[in-house]
């Protein structure tokens, strides 16, 4: 199951240090909110996105995958 654009947007809003401006930068770079969670190391090339944001995105992605795995059992 993939994230819907609404789910992806809401997850981005829960990340520490990510506000509307950072979400806009991420979406502008990736194309849409779902792609932000599929993108890898290229996120670090976006001005204003550092290891703090990148790490939190990876952690959130893992949590969501674990949630989906548990939900399918």
N, C-alpha and C. Protein backbone atom coordinates (compact mmCIF):
# COMPACT_ATOMS: atom_id res chain seq x y z
N UNK A 1 0.85 -1.19 0.00
CA UNK A 1 0.00 0.00 0.00
C UNK A 1 0.89 1.25 0.00
N UNK A 2 0.56 2.16 -0.86
CA UNK A 2 1.30 3.42 -0.93
C UNK A 2 0.54 4.49 -0.16
N UNK A 3 1.28 5.48 0.23
CA UNK A 3 0.67 6.64 0.88
C UNK A 3 -0.19 7.42 -0.10
N UNK A 4 -1.31 7.89 0.36
CA UNK A 4 -2.07 8.85 -0.45
C UNK A 4 -1.39 10.21 -0.28
N UNK A 5 -1.75 11.14 -1.13
CA UNK A 5 -1.13 12.47 -1.01
C UNK A 5 -1.53 13.14 0.30
N UNK A 6 -2.75 12.89 0.77
CA UNK A 6 -3.20 13.46 2.05
C UNK A 6 -2.40 12.85 3.20
N UNK A 7 -2.24 11.53 3.19
CA UNK A 7 -1.47 10.86 4.25
C UNK A 7 -0.04 11.38 4.28
N UNK A 8 0.57 11.49 3.10
CA UNK A 8 1.95 11.97 3.02
C UNK A 8 2.06 13.39 3.55
N UNK A 9 1.12 14.25 3.19
CA UNK A 9 1.13 15.62 3.68
C UNK A 9 1.01 15.67 5.19
N UNK A 10 0.08 14.88 5.74
CA UNK A 10 -0.10 14.87 7.20
C UNK A 10 1.14 14.34 7.91
N UNK A 11 1.76 13.31 7.37
CA UNK A 11 2.99 12.79 7.98
C UNK A 11 4.09 13.84 7.97
N UNK A 12 4.21 14.57 6.87
CA UNK A 12 5.22 15.63 6.81
C UNK A 12 4.98 16.69 7.88
N UNK A 13 3.74 17.01 8.14
CA UNK A 13 3.40 18.03 9.13
C UNK A 13 3.79 17.61 10.56
N UNK A 14 3.88 16.29 10.80
CA UNK A 14 4.24 15.80 12.13
C UNK A 14 5.74 15.76 12.38
N UNK A 15 6.53 15.96 11.35
CA UNK A 15 7.98 15.90 11.53
C UNK A 15 8.49 17.14 12.26
N UNK A 16 9.33 16.94 13.27
CA UNK A 16 9.90 18.08 13.99
C UNK A 16 10.74 18.95 13.04
N UNK A 17 10.56 20.25 13.15
CA UNK A 17 11.34 21.18 12.36
C UNK A 17 10.86 21.37 10.93
N UNK A 18 9.77 20.71 10.57
CA UNK A 18 9.25 20.84 9.21
C UNK A 18 7.97 21.65 9.26
N UNK A 19 8.02 22.80 8.64
CA UNK A 19 6.84 23.65 8.56
C UNK A 19 6.41 23.78 7.11
N UNK A 20 5.55 24.73 6.87
CA UNK A 20 5.00 24.91 5.53
C UNK A 20 6.06 25.21 4.48
N UNK A 21 7.05 26.01 4.84
CA UNK A 21 8.09 26.38 3.88
C UNK A 21 8.93 25.16 3.50
N UNK A 22 9.30 24.36 4.49
CA UNK A 22 10.11 23.17 4.22
C UNK A 22 9.31 22.15 3.42
N UNK A 23 8.03 21.98 3.74
CA UNK A 23 7.18 21.07 2.96
C UNK A 23 7.13 21.54 1.51
N UNK A 24 6.98 22.83 1.30
CA UNK A 24 6.94 23.37 -0.07
C UNK A 24 8.25 23.08 -0.81
N UNK A 25 9.39 23.25 -0.14
CA UNK A 25 10.68 22.95 -0.76
C UNK A 25 10.76 21.48 -1.15
N UNK A 26 10.32 20.60 -0.24
CA UNK A 26 10.36 19.16 -0.50
C UNK A 26 9.47 18.79 -1.68
N UNK A 27 8.26 19.33 -1.70
CA UNK A 27 7.31 19.02 -2.77
C UNK A 27 7.78 19.60 -4.10
N UNK A 28 8.31 20.82 -4.08
CA UNK A 28 8.84 21.42 -5.31
C UNK A 28 9.95 20.56 -5.90
N UNK A 29 10.79 20.03 -5.04
CA UNK A 29 11.92 19.21 -5.50
C UNK A 29 11.46 17.84 -5.99
N UNK A 30 10.55 17.21 -5.26
CA UNK A 30 10.16 15.83 -5.54
C UNK A 30 8.97 15.71 -6.50
N UNK A 31 8.15 16.74 -6.57
CA UNK A 31 7.01 16.70 -7.47
C UNK A 31 5.67 16.56 -6.77
N UNK A 32 5.63 15.79 -5.69
CA UNK A 32 4.40 15.64 -4.90
C UNK A 32 4.76 15.11 -3.51
N UNK A 33 3.78 15.10 -2.62
CA UNK A 33 4.06 14.70 -1.24
C UNK A 33 4.44 13.23 -1.12
N UNK A 34 3.84 12.38 -1.95
CA UNK A 34 4.19 10.96 -1.87
C UNK A 34 5.65 10.71 -2.26
N UNK A 35 6.11 11.43 -3.26
CA UNK A 35 7.48 11.24 -3.75
C UNK A 35 8.52 11.62 -2.71
N UNK A 36 8.16 12.50 -1.78
CA UNK A 36 9.09 12.88 -0.71
C UNK A 36 9.51 11.65 0.08
N UNK A 37 8.58 10.72 0.29
CA UNK A 37 8.88 9.53 1.07
C UNK A 37 9.55 8.45 0.25
N UNK A 38 9.59 8.61 -1.06
CA UNK A 38 10.27 7.65 -1.92
C UNK A 38 11.67 8.11 -2.29
N UNK A 39 11.91 9.39 -2.16
CA UNK A 39 13.21 10.00 -2.50
C UNK A 39 14.25 9.58 -1.46
N UNK A 40 15.47 9.46 -1.89
CA UNK A 40 16.53 9.09 -0.96
C UNK A 40 17.49 10.25 -0.74
N UNK A 41 18.73 10.05 -0.98
CA UNK A 41 19.79 10.97 -0.60
C UNK A 41 19.69 12.33 -1.29
N UNK A 42 18.99 12.43 -2.42
CA UNK A 42 18.88 13.71 -3.12
C UNK A 42 18.20 14.78 -2.28
N UNK A 43 17.47 14.39 -1.26
CA UNK A 43 16.82 15.38 -0.40
C UNK A 43 17.85 16.28 0.28
N UNK A 44 19.02 15.75 0.51
CA UNK A 44 20.06 16.53 1.19
C UNK A 44 20.59 17.66 0.31
N UNK A 45 20.28 17.62 -0.98
CA UNK A 45 20.73 18.67 -1.90
C UNK A 45 19.82 19.90 -1.85
N UNK A 46 18.68 19.78 -1.19
CA UNK A 46 17.73 20.89 -1.09
C UNK A 46 18.22 21.85 -0.02
N UNK A 47 18.26 23.14 -0.37
CA UNK A 47 18.70 24.14 0.59
C UNK A 47 17.73 24.14 1.78
N UNK A 48 18.28 24.04 2.98
CA UNK A 48 17.46 24.04 4.18
C UNK A 48 17.12 22.66 4.70
N UNK A 49 17.47 21.62 3.95
CA UNK A 49 17.24 20.24 4.40
C UNK A 49 18.58 19.66 4.80
N UNK A 50 18.70 19.32 6.05
CA UNK A 50 19.96 18.76 6.54
C UNK A 50 19.74 17.35 7.08
N UNK A 51 20.74 16.87 7.78
CA UNK A 51 20.68 15.51 8.33
C UNK A 51 19.53 15.37 9.33
N UNK A 52 19.21 16.42 10.08
CA UNK A 52 18.12 16.36 11.05
C UNK A 52 16.80 16.02 10.35
N UNK A 53 16.48 16.76 9.29
CA UNK A 53 15.24 16.51 8.56
C UNK A 53 15.29 15.17 7.85
N UNK A 54 16.43 14.88 7.22
CA UNK A 54 16.58 13.63 6.47
C UNK A 54 16.40 12.43 7.39
N UNK A 55 17.04 12.47 8.54
CA UNK A 55 16.93 11.36 9.50
C UNK A 55 15.49 11.18 9.95
N UNK A 56 14.80 12.28 10.23
CA UNK A 56 13.42 12.19 10.66
C UNK A 56 12.51 11.64 9.57
N UNK A 57 12.78 11.99 8.32
CA UNK A 57 12.01 11.43 7.21
C UNK A 57 12.21 9.92 7.11
N UNK A 58 13.44 9.47 7.26
CA UNK A 58 13.74 8.04 7.20
C UNK A 58 13.05 7.30 8.35
N UNK A 59 13.13 7.85 9.54
CA UNK A 59 12.48 7.22 10.70
C UNK A 59 10.98 7.15 10.49
N UNK A 60 10.37 8.22 10.03
CA UNK A 60 8.94 8.24 9.79
C UNK A 60 8.55 7.23 8.72
N UNK A 61 9.35 7.12 7.69
CA UNK A 61 9.10 6.14 6.63
C UNK A 61 9.13 4.71 7.19
N UNK A 62 10.11 4.42 8.05
CA UNK A 62 10.20 3.09 8.65
C UNK A 62 9.01 2.81 9.56
N UNK A 63 8.61 3.78 10.34
CA UNK A 63 7.45 3.60 11.22
C UNK A 63 6.20 3.31 10.41
N UNK A 64 6.00 4.03 9.31
CA UNK A 64 4.83 3.81 8.48
C UNK A 64 4.86 2.42 7.86
N UNK A 65 6.03 1.97 7.40
CA UNK A 65 6.14 0.61 6.83
C UNK A 65 5.84 -0.45 7.88
N UNK A 66 6.33 -0.26 9.09
CA UNK A 66 6.03 -1.21 10.16
C UNK A 66 4.54 -1.23 10.48
N UNK A 67 3.92 -0.07 10.47
CA UNK A 67 2.48 0.03 10.70
C UNK A 67 1.72 -0.75 9.63
N UNK A 68 2.11 -0.59 8.38
CA UNK A 68 1.44 -1.31 7.29
C UNK A 68 1.64 -2.81 7.41
N UNK A 69 2.84 -3.21 7.80
CA UNK A 69 3.12 -4.64 7.96
C UNK A 69 2.26 -5.23 9.08
N UNK A 70 2.18 -4.53 10.19
CA UNK A 70 1.38 -5.01 11.33
C UNK A 70 -0.10 -5.03 10.96
N UNK A 71 -0.55 -4.05 10.21
CA UNK A 71 -1.94 -3.96 9.80
C UNK A 71 -2.34 -5.12 8.89
N UNK A 72 -1.40 -5.63 8.12
CA UNK A 72 -1.71 -6.72 7.16
C UNK A 72 -1.81 -8.08 7.84
N UNK A 73 -1.38 -8.19 9.09
CA UNK A 73 -1.47 -9.49 9.79
C UNK A 73 -2.81 -9.75 10.34
